[in-house]
Amino acid sequence: MMEEALLSIGLMIVLAKVAEGLLRRFRVSSIVAYAGTGVILGPVLGIVEATAELEILLSIGVFLFFFLIGLDEIDVSSFMSVIRGRFFIAAAIAILVPLFAGIAVTSDFYFDFGLGLDFTDALAVAGVLALSSLGVVAKVLSDEGRLREPLGLQIFAIVIIAELIALLVVGFTIGERGHDLSVANILTLLGQMVGFTIVAWLLSTKVIPRLIVILQRVLQVPHLSFGLLLGGLFLMVVAAEKMGVHGSIGALLFGVALSNLPGRIRQDVMPGIRSTADGLFVPLFFASAGLHLSLAFTSLPPLAIAAIVIVPLVGKFLGAIIGAYVIRMGISFPLATGLMAKGAAEIALLLIMLNHHLIGKELFSLLILIMFGYFLIMPPLITFAINRVRYSGSDEVVPGIIPAPLIRFALDDMRIRDILDATPNYPDTDLTVRNFVDNWIVPHQEDYVVTYRGELAGMVSLSMLRYLPKSDWASTPLGNVLSQRMLEASPEDFLEDVLQRMKENSLTVIPVVNSETGEFMGTVTTRDILDIMMIEVRGEL
């Protein structure tokens, strides 16, 4: 039995990665390659079957996958910064309309299509159909060079909100399964989810990072942080299950809570976790979706098949159009196509539903085929939609409106030394304020480093000059208006950490100082970081 399980696992992993490499030449999603491998090894050739041993690995793959979604794609600070604004309204409408459209098809509330789902199961399926893929949207926008523009940033921000809402809806309904649908049970489950989220958040943001730093300093064990986070992930999954929340949502929330880990810890942890996930668990997990693929959906009523394919699609499109209209955004068509992007999370959730008997093989096989259709059709359609919109503004963007997941993706493993330019000149303390204002101010920069004979003297902010009468500008040297209390960066600091510190302190420039000698080495501006960030995004995606 063990030999058969290892043979199945080995074949699926090897062939899945080979298929990924071959199909990438044709710009086909890796998820299609993985699932196609499962179809060939399972239903077509009959070599591999789903076994108990395989299910254990698949469960681990689910938790790692959702942990990485939370870590890389969802950022609470970005979510909270727009939750009170118009983007949240657009995202909420874009989710609610297709959600109700999906419920109309999957439940017998309006019309019985013969699917045999109770309300909670129908809501879970509707949530998957309403879900959007941030990764697909980011890739298309980057490929077309629109990610930096207001068009790209607006779509990116709305998809982040929509993705998080849909994931929580599905997680809630899966957790509610097996309970009587009542107000008391719903409130109890919501309370459990909130309680778990608060505890997980406190542990992940206040305890775990500090514990890792202390233990690394004391124990000096190789890959200690990797082991602690991986073990912590599984403990969080168990805690989530005990609290009545599905383990995948626990893994997702754990990843979200750890999304702002310091750069040095991320660099120690993420390569190992990502290699383990991308090389083993994720290909195996999605290949298993192919094992369950069949023509069983043909036994469903034809009207039900047509309704499941068409109604949620139309609902999602109309929801985005209505949301864009309500907040008066002029990009309704690109936004609608972007919100219809589907990715790996949908298949992961469908597999969870199948394994927990929320849906049968007939509906599962139909939904998987629908997801594959989205994989193949939506990227070129999104490209067409965004290219119909003319250039949407200046290249100038400010860090506050750039979602943190995009920053993390672009600046991963980059340090200050990688972009430091030590050649520029800096205003001297003897320079008058009038001379400085006339000759040194540049667009989109609020703060300026000032030197004295080549040494760092302090920083001047344009907002500080407003308190100095203009009649005194010609006679006042810069040295009299300096702030000597300032943040400093080291050449070895990670760009992501430095940009976060600059955002928290509302700075547009930071001096770079050698941590050992105290020598002033130059400056880095937010514009420098954003320029290199967009270059990296285009290059990597």
Protein backbone atom coordinates (compact mmCIF):
# COMPACT_ATOMS: atom_id res chain seq x y z
CA MET A 1 0.00 0.00 0.00
CA MET A 2 2.80 2.42 0.92
CA GLU A 3 4.69 1.60 -2.30
CA GLU A 4 1.58 2.31 -4.37
CA ALA A 5 1.03 5.61 -2.60
CA LEU A 6 4.65 6.70 -3.15
CA LEU A 7 4.44 5.67 -6.81
CA SER A 8 1.28 7.75 -7.27
CA ILE A 9 2.76 10.75 -5.48
CA GLY A 10 6.04 10.56 -7.41
CA LEU A 11 4.34 10.29 -10.80
CA MET A 12 1.98 13.16 -10.07
CA ILE A 13 4.72 15.52 -8.87
CA VAL A 14 7.20 14.78 -11.67
CA LEU A 15 4.67 14.89 -14.51
CA ALA A 16 2.92 17.96 -13.07
CA LYS A 17 6.15 20.00 -12.99
CA VAL A 18 7.16 18.80 -16.47
CA ALA A 19 3.72 19.73 -17.81
CA GLU A 20 4.02 23.13 -16.15
CA GLY A 21 7.30 23.79 -17.94
CA LEU A 22 5.97 22.68 -21.32
CA LEU A 23 2.67 24.56 -21.16
CA ARG A 24 4.29 27.74 -19.86
CA ARG A 25 5.70 28.23 -23.37
CA PHE A 26 2.09 28.64 -24.53
CA ARG A 27 1.20 30.96 -21.60
CA VAL A 28 -1.09 28.33 -20.07
CA SER A 29 -1.72 28.52 -16.31
CA SER A 30 0.26 26.14 -14.13
CA ILE A 31 -3.01 25.11 -12.47
CA VAL A 32 -4.24 23.78 -15.82
CA ALA A 33 -0.98 21.82 -16.18
CA TYR A 34 -1.29 20.30 -12.71
CA ALA A 35 -4.96 19.37 -13.10
CA GLY A 36 -4.32 18.01 -16.59
CA THR A 37 -1.69 15.70 -15.14
CA GLY A 38 -4.24 14.36 -12.70
CA VAL A 39 -6.77 13.81 -15.51
CA ILE A 40 -4.24 11.81 -17.55
CA LEU A 41 -2.98 9.71 -14.64
CA GLY A 42 -6.45 9.20 -13.17
CA PRO A 43 -9.56 9.06 -15.38
CA VAL A 44 -7.66 8.52 -18.66
CA LEU A 45 -4.98 5.94 -17.81
CA GLY A 46 -6.27 4.68 -14.46
CA ILE A 47 -2.76 4.62 -12.93
CA VAL A 48 -3.45 6.82 -9.89
CA GLU A 49 -6.37 6.77 -7.49
CA ALA A 50 -7.15 8.95 -4.48
CA THR A 51 -5.99 7.12 -1.32
CA ALA A 52 -5.93 7.86 2.40
CA GLU A 53 -2.17 8.50 2.29
CA LEU A 54 -2.65 10.96 -0.55
CA GLU A 55 -5.44 12.75 1.30
CA ILE A 56 -3.10 13.55 4.22
CA LEU A 57 -0.61 15.25 1.91
CA LEU A 58 -3.44 17.05 0.14
CA SER A 59 -4.71 18.43 3.43
CA ILE A 60 -1.26 19.83 4.21
CA GLY A 61 -1.18 21.31 0.70
CA VAL A 62 -4.50 23.06 1.32
CA PHE A 63 -3.25 24.69 4.51
CA LEU A 64 0.05 25.81 2.96
CA PHE A 65 -1.74 27.17 -0.08
CA PHE A 66 -4.16 29.32 1.92
CA PHE A 67 -1.37 30.41 4.25
CA LEU A 68 0.55 31.74 1.24
CA ILE A 69 -2.57 33.49 -0.11
CA GLY A 70 -2.93 35.32 3.20
CA LEU A 71 0.77 36.11 3.35
CA ASP A 72 1.18 37.35 -0.23
CA GLU A 73 -2.17 38.60 -1.52
CA ILE A 74 -4.16 40.03 1.38
CA ASP A 75 -3.02 42.95 3.47
CA VAL A 76 -5.08 44.25 6.37
CA SER A 77 -3.51 47.72 6.33
CA SER A 78 -4.46 48.15 2.67
CA PHE A 79 -7.91 46.75 3.40
CA MET A 80 -8.50 49.11 6.33
CA SER A 81 -7.20 52.13 4.40
CA VAL A 82 -9.94 51.75 1.78
CA ILE A 83 -12.74 50.13 3.81
CA ARG A 84 -14.35 53.51 4.47
CA GLY A 85 -13.87 54.74 0.93
CA ARG A 86 -15.59 54.28 -2.38
CA PHE A 87 -13.44 51.29 -3.38
CA PHE A 88 -15.01 49.25 -0.59
CA ILE A 89 -18.50 50.18 -1.81
CA ALA A 90 -17.64 49.07 -5.35
CA ALA A 91 -16.12 45.81 -4.11
CA ALA A 92 -19.08 45.06 -1.84
CA ILE A 93 -21.56 45.57 -4.68
CA ALA A 94 -19.37 43.54 -7.03
CA ILE A 95 -19.52 40.64 -4.55
CA LEU A 96 -23.13 40.87 -3.38
CA VAL A 97 -24.71 40.91 -6.84
CA PRO A 98 -23.01 37.70 -8.11
CA LEU A 99 -23.47 36.13 -4.67
CA PHE A 100 -27.24 36.55 -4.89
CA ALA A 101 -27.15 35.46 -8.53
CA GLY A 102 -25.26 32.32 -7.51
CA ILE A 103 -27.68 31.58 -4.68
CA ALA A 104 -30.56 31.91 -7.14
CA VAL A 105 -29.04 29.06 -9.15
CA THR A 106 -27.56 26.80 -6.48
CA SER A 107 -30.45 26.87 -3.99
CA ASP A 108 -34.16 26.21 -4.37
CA PHE A 109 -35.01 29.57 -2.84
CA TYR A 110 -36.16 31.06 -6.15
CA PHE A 111 -36.32 28.04 -8.45
CA ASP A 112 -35.33 24.41 -7.97
CA PHE A 113 -32.70 23.43 -10.55
CA GLY A 114 -32.41 19.97 -9.05
CA LEU A 115 -28.96 20.35 -7.45
CA GLY A 116 -30.14 19.11 -4.04
CA LEU A 117 -28.05 21.58 -1.98
CA ASP A 118 -29.18 23.00 1.33
CA PHE A 119 -28.83 26.74 1.84
CA THR A 120 -25.37 26.75 3.48
CA ASP A 121 -23.92 24.49 0.78
CA ALA A 122 -25.54 26.63 -1.91
CA LEU A 123 -24.06 29.76 -0.33
CA ALA A 124 -20.58 28.19 -0.29
CA VAL A 125 -20.80 27.35 -4.01
CA ALA A 126 -22.13 30.84 -4.76
CA GLY A 127 -19.18 32.31 -2.83
CA VAL A 128 -16.70 30.37 -4.96
CA LEU A 129 -18.43 31.54 -8.14
CA ALA A 130 -18.22 35.15 -6.86
CA LEU A 131 -14.53 34.89 -5.94
CA SER A 132 -11.88 36.82 -7.89
CA SER A 133 -8.18 36.08 -8.38
CA LEU A 134 -5.77 38.85 -7.40
CA GLY A 135 -2.77 37.00 -8.85
CA VAL A 136 -4.25 36.76 -12.35
CA VAL A 137 -5.28 40.43 -12.32
CA ALA A 138 -1.81 41.56 -11.16
CA LYS A 139 -0.11 39.53 -13.88
CA VAL A 140 -2.24 40.91 -16.71
CA LEU A 141 -1.95 44.51 -15.51
CA SER A 142 1.82 44.16 -15.21
CA ASP A 143 2.19 42.52 -18.63
CA GLU A 144 0.37 45.47 -20.19
CA GLY A 145 2.33 48.07 -18.21
CA ARG A 146 -0.82 49.40 -16.49
CA LEU A 147 -0.15 48.31 -12.92
CA ARG A 148 1.46 51.61 -12.04
CA GLU A 149 -1.33 53.78 -13.40
CA PRO A 150 -4.43 54.83 -11.45
CA LEU A 151 -6.39 52.36 -13.62
CA GLY A 152 -4.29 49.43 -12.45
CA LEU A 153 -4.10 50.51 -8.81
CA GLN A 154 -7.87 51.01 -8.59
CA ILE A 155 -8.62 47.57 -10.04
CA PHE A 156 -5.94 45.99 -7.84
CA ALA A 157 -7.34 47.58 -4.66
CA ILE A 158 -10.94 46.58 -5.41
CA VAL A 159 -9.98 42.98 -6.21
CA ILE A 160 -8.12 42.72 -2.87
CA ILE A 161 -11.28 43.70 -1.00
CA ALA A 162 -13.54 41.48 -3.10
CA GLU A 163 -11.25 38.47 -2.68
CA LEU A 164 -11.13 38.79 1.10
CA ILE A 165 -14.91 39.20 1.43
CA ALA A 166 -15.61 36.16 -0.77
CA LEU A 167 -13.06 34.00 1.06
CA LEU A 168 -14.60 34.85 4.42
CA VAL A 169 -18.11 34.11 3.11
CA VAL A 170 -17.02 30.67 1.91
CA GLY A 171 -15.11 29.98 5.12
CA PHE A 172 -18.11 30.99 7.18
CA THR A 173 -20.49 28.69 5.29
CA ILE A 174 -18.11 25.72 5.44
CA GLY A 175 -17.77 26.24 9.18
CA GLU A 176 -21.56 26.50 9.57
CA ARG A 177 -22.07 23.15 7.80
CA GLY A 178 -23.50 20.54 10.11
CA HIS A 179 -25.29 23.08 12.32
CA ASP A 180 -28.90 24.14 12.21
CA LEU A 181 -29.20 27.38 10.28
CA SER A 182 -30.42 29.76 12.97
CA VAL A 183 -29.63 33.26 14.16
CA ALA A 184 -28.07 31.88 17.35
CA ASN A 185 -25.78 29.47 15.48
CA ILE A 186 -24.77 32.14 12.98
CA LEU A 187 -23.94 34.62 15.75
CA THR A 188 -22.05 31.92 17.66
CA LEU A 189 -19.94 31.02 14.64
CA LEU A 190 -19.28 34.68 13.87
CA GLY A 191 -18.17 35.18 17.46
CA GLN A 192 -15.87 32.17 17.23
CA MET A 193 -14.35 33.48 14.00
CA VAL A 194 -13.83 36.94 15.49
CA GLY A 195 -12.34 35.47 18.67
CA PHE A 196 -10.00 33.20 16.74
CA THR A 197 -8.96 36.09 14.47
CA ILE A 198 -8.13 38.34 17.43
CA VAL A 199 -6.11 35.65 19.22
CA ALA A 200 -4.31 34.63 16.01
CA TRP A 201 -3.59 38.26 15.20
CA LEU A 202 -2.12 39.01 18.62
CA LEU A 203 0.04 35.89 18.56
CA SER A 204 1.20 36.45 14.99
CA THR A 205 1.99 40.15 15.26
CA LYS A 206 3.09 40.58 18.88
CA VAL A 207 4.40 37.22 20.07
CA ILE A 208 5.73 35.05 17.24
CA PRO A 209 8.10 37.56 15.53
CA ARG A 210 9.65 38.57 18.86
CA LEU A 211 9.86 34.96 19.99
CA ILE A 212 11.66 34.02 16.77
CA VAL A 213 14.21 36.82 17.22
CA ILE A 214 14.87 35.87 20.87
CA LEU A 215 15.16 32.13 20.17
CA GLN A 216 17.46 32.71 17.20
CA ARG A 217 19.73 34.82 19.37
CA VAL A 218 19.76 32.29 22.22
CA LEU A 219 19.61 28.91 20.48
CA GLN A 220 21.31 29.71 17.13
CA VAL A 221 19.65 26.74 15.42
CA PRO A 222 19.64 26.65 11.59
CA HIS A 223 16.21 27.30 10.03
CA LEU A 224 14.65 27.82 13.45
CA SER A 225 12.19 30.44 12.19
CA PHE A 226 11.11 28.13 9.34
CA GLY A 227 10.30 25.35 11.79
CA LEU A 228 8.52 27.65 14.22
CA LEU A 229 6.28 29.18 11.56
CA LEU A 230 5.49 25.86 9.90
CA GLY A 231 4.67 24.28 13.25
CA GLY A 232 2.72 27.38 14.23
CA LEU A 233 0.70 27.08 11.03
CA PHE A 234 -0.44 23.56 11.87
CA LEU A 235 -1.23 24.57 15.46
CA MET A 236 -3.34 27.46 14.15
CA VAL A 237 -5.19 25.06 11.84
CA VAL A 238 -6.02 22.79 14.79
CA ALA A 239 -7.08 25.79 16.89
CA ALA A 240 -9.33 27.01 14.07
CA GLU A 241 -11.01 23.61 13.79
CA LYS A 242 -11.56 23.53 17.56
CA MET A 243 -13.17 26.98 17.35
CA GLY A 244 -15.58 25.86 14.64
CA VAL A 245 -13.69 27.60 11.80
CA HIS A 246 -12.44 25.52 8.88
CA GLY A 247 -8.68 24.92 9.01
CA SER A 248 -8.09 26.53 5.60
CA ILE A 249 -9.56 29.82 6.85
CA GLY A 250 -7.39 29.51 9.97
CA ALA A 251 -4.34 29.12 7.73
CA LEU A 252 -5.48 32.10 5.65
CA LEU A 253 -5.90 34.33 8.71
CA PHE A 254 -2.54 33.19 10.08
CA GLY A 255 -0.91 34.21 6.79
CA VAL A 256 -2.67 37.58 6.81
CA ALA A 257 -1.53 38.25 10.37
CA LEU A 258 2.08 37.46 9.41
CA SER A 259 2.02 39.52 6.21
CA ASN A 260 4.01 42.34 7.84
CA LEU A 261 6.86 40.19 9.14
CA PRO A 262 10.20 42.02 9.21
CA GLY A 263 12.23 41.51 6.06
CA ARG A 264 15.03 39.57 7.74
CA ILE A 265 12.58 36.98 9.11
CA ARG A 266 10.76 36.71 5.77
CA GLN A 267 14.05 36.02 4.00
CA ASP A 268 14.85 33.26 6.45
CA VAL A 269 11.42 31.64 6.27
CA MET A 270 9.82 32.22 2.88
CA PRO A 271 12.29 30.47 0.53
CA GLY A 272 11.85 27.19 2.39
CA ILE A 273 8.06 27.44 2.70
CA ARG A 274 7.61 28.53 -0.91
CA SER A 275 9.90 25.81 -2.26
CA THR A 276 8.11 23.17 -0.21
CA ALA A 277 4.71 24.41 -1.35
CA ASP A 278 5.51 25.03 -5.02
CA GLY A 279 7.62 21.92 -5.48
CA LEU A 280 5.54 19.37 -3.58
CA PHE A 281 2.21 20.21 -2.03
CA VAL A 282 0.64 22.66 -4.48
CA PRO A 283 1.26 20.57 -7.67
CA LEU A 284 0.08 17.47 -5.84
CA PHE A 285 -2.98 19.25 -4.53
CA PHE A 286 -4.18 20.55 -7.89
CA ALA A 287 -3.27 17.36 -9.71
CA SER A 288 -5.67 15.62 -7.35
CA ALA A 289 -8.44 17.83 -8.75
CA GLY A 290 -7.86 16.11 -12.06
CA LEU A 291 -8.28 12.70 -10.42
CA HIS A 292 -11.88 13.62 -9.63
CA LEU A 293 -12.61 15.13 -13.04
CA SER A 294 -15.17 13.26 -15.08
CA LEU A 295 -18.21 13.61 -17.29
CA ALA A 296 -20.45 13.02 -14.29
CA PHE A 297 -21.87 16.51 -14.71
CA THR A 298 -23.78 15.29 -17.77
CA SER A 299 -26.23 13.65 -15.38
CA LEU A 300 -27.26 17.09 -14.10
CA PRO A 301 -30.37 18.68 -15.63
CA PRO A 302 -29.42 20.64 -18.79
CA LEU A 303 -31.20 23.72 -17.45
CA ALA A 304 -29.11 23.55 -14.27
CA ILE A 305 -25.87 23.29 -16.28
CA ALA A 306 -26.79 26.30 -18.40
CA ALA A 307 -27.85 28.33 -15.35
CA ILE A 308 -24.65 27.59 -13.40
CA VAL A 309 -22.52 28.61 -16.38
CA ILE A 310 -24.40 31.76 -17.37
CA VAL A 311 -26.18 33.32 -14.38
CA PRO A 312 -23.17 33.82 -12.02
CA LEU A 313 -21.10 35.11 -14.96
CA VAL A 314 -23.73 37.71 -15.83
CA GLY A 315 -24.20 38.56 -12.15
CA LYS A 316 -20.48 39.15 -11.66
CA PHE A 317 -20.28 41.37 -14.73
CA LEU A 318 -23.34 43.39 -13.72
CA GLY A 319 -22.15 43.67 -10.12
CA ALA A 320 -18.88 45.26 -11.21
CA ILE A 321 -20.67 47.58 -13.65
CA ILE A 322 -23.13 48.70 -10.97
CA GLY A 323 -20.37 49.15 -8.38
CA ALA A 324 -18.30 51.27 -10.75
CA TYR A 325 -21.35 53.36 -11.65
CA VAL A 326 -22.33 53.96 -8.02
CA ILE A 327 -18.91 55.36 -7.11
CA ARG A 328 -18.60 57.08 -10.50
CA MET A 329 -15.55 55.24 -11.75
CA GLY A 330 -14.97 55.48 -15.48
CA ILE A 331 -13.42 52.02 -15.79
CA SER A 332 -16.49 49.82 -15.42
CA PHE A 333 -15.66 47.40 -18.26
CA PRO A 334 -12.00 46.76 -17.24
CA LEU A 335 -13.11 46.44 -13.61
CA ALA A 336 -15.82 43.94 -14.56
CA THR A 337 -13.42 41.74 -16.52
CA GLY A 338 -10.80 41.98 -13.77
CA LEU A 339 -13.26 40.83 -11.12
CA MET A 340 -14.17 37.82 -13.27
CA ALA A 341 -10.61 36.47 -13.13
CA LYS A 342 -10.35 33.04 -11.52
CA GLY A 343 -7.34 31.37 -9.98
CA ALA A 344 -6.16 28.52 -7.81
CA ALA A 345 -8.16 29.40 -4.69
CA GLU A 346 -11.42 28.44 -6.37
CA ILE A 347 -10.23 24.92 -7.16
CA ALA A 348 -8.81 24.57 -3.66
CA LEU A 349 -12.15 25.50 -2.12
CA LEU A 350 -14.05 23.17 -4.46
CA LEU A 351 -11.81 20.28 -3.42
CA ILE A 352 -12.48 21.07 0.24
CA MET A 353 -16.22 21.07 -0.46
CA LEU A 354 -15.98 17.76 -2.30
CA ASN A 355 -13.98 16.13 0.49
CA HIS A 356 -16.44 17.42 3.10
CA HIS A 357 -19.40 16.24 1.01
CA LEU A 358 -20.83 19.72 0.56
CA ILE A 359 -21.10 18.99 -3.17
CA GLY A 360 -21.20 15.80 -5.20
CA LYS A 361 -18.92 14.66 -8.00
CA GLU A 362 -21.44 15.76 -10.62
CA LEU A 363 -21.47 19.40 -9.54
CA PHE A 364 -17.74 19.33 -8.76
CA SER A 365 -16.82 18.18 -12.27
CA LEU A 366 -18.98 20.91 -13.81
CA LEU A 367 -17.52 23.65 -11.61
CA ILE A 368 -13.95 22.51 -12.34
CA LEU A 369 -14.63 22.73 -16.08
CA ILE A 370 -16.07 26.21 -15.59
CA MET A 371 -12.93 27.27 -13.69
CA PHE A 372 -10.70 25.97 -16.49
CA GLY A 373 -12.75 28.02 -18.93
CA TYR A 374 -12.12 31.12 -16.83
CA PHE A 375 -8.38 30.31 -16.70
CA LEU A 376 -8.15 30.24 -20.49
CA ILE A 377 -10.56 33.02 -21.46
CA MET A 378 -10.25 35.76 -18.86
CA PRO A 379 -6.56 36.82 -19.17
CA PRO A 380 -6.88 37.81 -22.87
CA LEU A 381 -10.29 39.37 -22.19
CA ILE A 382 -8.87 41.47 -19.34
CA THR A 383 -6.04 42.53 -21.65
CA PHE A 384 -8.55 43.61 -24.29
CA ALA A 385 -10.62 45.54 -21.74
CA ILE A 386 -7.78 47.51 -20.18
CA ASN A 387 -6.27 48.35 -23.57
CA ARG A 388 -9.56 49.99 -24.56
CA VAL A 389 -8.89 52.56 -21.83
CA ARG A 390 -6.41 55.24 -22.69
CA TYR A 391 -3.47 56.02 -20.47
CA SER A 392 -5.07 56.97 -17.18
CA GLY A 393 -2.74 59.50 -15.66
CA SER A 394 0.75 60.36 -14.55
CA ASP A 395 3.41 57.86 -13.65
CA GLU A 396 3.56 59.50 -10.26
CA VAL A 397 2.10 57.35 -7.51
CA VAL A 398 2.34 57.63 -3.77
CA PRO A 399 3.05 54.72 -1.45
CA GLY A 400 -0.19 55.17 0.47
CA ILE A 401 -2.33 53.97 -2.43
CA ILE A 402 -0.14 51.03 -3.42
CA PRO A 403 -1.36 47.78 -1.85
CA ALA A 404 1.21 46.16 0.42
CA PRO A 405 1.03 42.76 -1.36
CA LEU A 406 2.25 44.46 -4.52
CA ILE A 407 5.10 46.09 -2.61
CA ARG A 408 6.13 42.79 -1.01
CA PHE A 409 6.05 41.00 -4.34
CA ALA A 410 8.20 43.60 -6.11
CA LEU A 411 10.73 44.35 -3.37
CA ASP A 412 11.28 40.80 -2.15
CA ASP A 413 14.94 40.27 -1.19
CA MET A 414 16.02 43.78 -2.29
CA ARG A 415 18.13 45.93 0.02
CA ILE A 416 18.98 49.63 0.21
CA ARG A 417 22.43 49.00 -1.24
CA ASP A 418 20.80 47.74 -4.46
CA ILE A 419 19.42 51.18 -5.35
CA LEU A 420 21.65 53.57 -3.40
CA ASP A 421 23.11 56.37 -5.50
CA ALA A 422 25.98 58.07 -3.68
CA THR A 423 26.70 60.65 -6.40
CA PRO A 424 24.00 63.36 -5.92
CA ASN A 425 24.80 66.69 -4.29
CA TYR A 426 22.87 67.94 -1.28
CA PRO A 427 22.03 71.44 -0.05
CA ASP A 428 24.42 72.81 2.58
CA THR A 429 23.48 74.33 5.91
CA ASP A 430 24.90 77.71 4.78
CA LEU A 431 22.45 77.90 1.87
CA THR A 432 19.63 80.40 2.35
CA VAL A 433 16.05 79.22 2.42
CA ARG A 434 15.30 81.38 -0.66
CA ASN A 435 18.14 79.78 -2.63
CA PHE A 436 17.01 76.32 -1.52
CA VAL A 437 13.37 76.90 -2.56
CA ASP A 438 14.37 78.34 -5.94
CA ASN A 439 16.96 75.72 -6.91
CA TRP A 440 16.56 72.47 -4.98
CA ILE A 441 12.87 71.59 -4.78
CA VAL A 442 11.69 68.76 -7.05
CA PRO A 443 8.13 67.51 -7.69
CA HIS A 444 6.56 64.96 -5.32
CA GLN A 445 9.25 65.31 -2.64
CA GLU A 446 8.38 66.88 0.69
CA ASP A 447 11.60 66.24 2.65
CA TYR A 448 15.27 67.02 1.90
CA VAL A 449 18.52 65.94 3.52
CA VAL A 450 20.93 68.77 4.32
CA THR A 451 24.69 68.36 4.80
CA TYR A 452 27.55 70.35 6.31
CA ARG A 453 30.85 69.85 4.52
CA GLY A 454 29.68 66.48 3.23
CA GLU A 455 28.47 65.23 6.60
CA LEU A 456 24.85 64.63 7.48
CA ALA A 457 23.46 67.68 9.28
CA GLY A 458 19.72 67.12 9.37
CA MET A 459 16.55 67.25 7.34
CA VAL A 460 14.26 70.04 6.22
CA SER A 461 10.60 69.60 5.34
CA LEU A 462 8.67 71.96 3.09
CA SER A 463 5.88 71.97 5.65
CA MET A 464 8.32 73.43 8.19
CA LEU A 465 9.07 76.37 5.90
CA ARG A 466 5.44 77.47 5.97
CA TYR A 467 5.99 78.76 9.50
CA LEU A 468 8.86 80.99 8.35
CA PRO A 469 7.76 84.35 6.86
CA LYS A 470 8.78 84.65 3.22
CA SER A 471 10.37 87.99 3.99
CA ASP A 472 12.97 86.11 6.07
CA TRP A 473 13.79 83.47 3.46
CA ALA A 474 16.64 85.43 1.87
CA SER A 475 18.43 85.95 5.18
CA THR A 476 17.78 82.63 6.94
CA PRO A 477 20.26 79.77 6.42
CA LEU A 478 18.94 76.23 6.16
CA GLY A 479 20.87 75.32 9.28
CA ASN A 480 18.39 77.36 11.33
CA VAL A 481 15.32 75.38 10.19
CA LEU A 482 16.72 71.85 10.30
CA SER A 483 15.28 68.93 12.17
CA GLN A 484 18.08 66.82 13.60
CA ARG A 485 15.74 64.10 14.84
CA MET A 486 15.37 61.85 11.82
CA LEU A 487 15.14 58.24 10.78
CA GLU A 488 18.15 56.59 9.23
CA ALA A 489 18.58 53.51 7.07
CA SER A 490 21.47 51.11 6.66
CA PRO A 491 22.68 49.79 3.28
CA GLU A 492 21.77 46.29 4.50
CA ASP A 493 18.16 47.15 5.36
CA PHE A 494 15.43 45.59 3.23
CA LEU A 495 13.66 48.05 0.93
CA GLU A 496 10.26 46.80 2.06
CA ASP A 497 11.05 47.54 5.72
CA VAL A 498 12.44 50.98 4.90
CA LEU A 499 9.45 51.94 2.77
CA GLN A 500 7.13 50.85 5.58
CA ARG A 501 9.01 53.04 8.07
CA MET A 502 8.86 55.98 5.67
CA LYS A 503 5.10 55.53 5.24
CA GLU A 504 4.54 55.32 9.00
CA ASN A 505 6.48 58.58 9.54
CA SER A 506 5.18 60.37 6.40
CA LEU A 507 8.67 60.78 4.93
CA THR A 508 9.61 61.05 1.26
CA VAL A 509 13.37 60.69 1.79
CA ILE A 510 15.61 58.87 4.26
CA PRO A 511 19.37 59.25 4.79
CA VAL A 512 21.52 56.14 4.48
CA VAL A 513 24.27 55.77 7.08
CA ASN A 514 26.88 53.06 7.53
CA SER A 515 25.80 51.26 10.70
CA GLU A 516 29.40 50.55 11.74
CA THR A 517 31.24 53.79 10.93
CA GLY A 518 28.36 56.29 10.99
CA GLU A 519 29.44 57.57 7.56
CA PHE A 520 26.74 59.33 5.52
CA MET A 521 26.44 57.38 2.26
CA GLY A 522 23.52 59.04 0.44
CA THR A 523 19.75 59.07 0.41
CA VAL A 524 16.83 57.01 -0.87
CA THR A 525 13.51 58.60 -1.80
CA THR A 526 10.09 57.02 -2.11
CA ARG A 527 10.28 57.76 -5.83
CA ASP A 528 13.52 55.72 -6.07
CA ILE A 529 11.82 52.75 -4.40
CA LEU A 530 8.63 53.01 -6.46
CA ASP A 531 10.59 53.22 -9.71
CA ILE A 532 12.58 50.08 -8.97
CA MET A 533 9.43 48.40 -7.65
CA MET A 534 7.57 48.83 -10.94
CA ILE A 535 10.60 47.67 -12.93
CA GLU A 536 10.76 44.52 -10.78
CA VAL A 537 7.03 43.87 -11.13
CA ARG A 538 7.20 44.03 -14.91
CA GLY A 539 10.30 41.86 -15.00
CA GLU A 540 9.04 39.15 -12.62
CA LEU A 541 5.46 38.93 -13.88
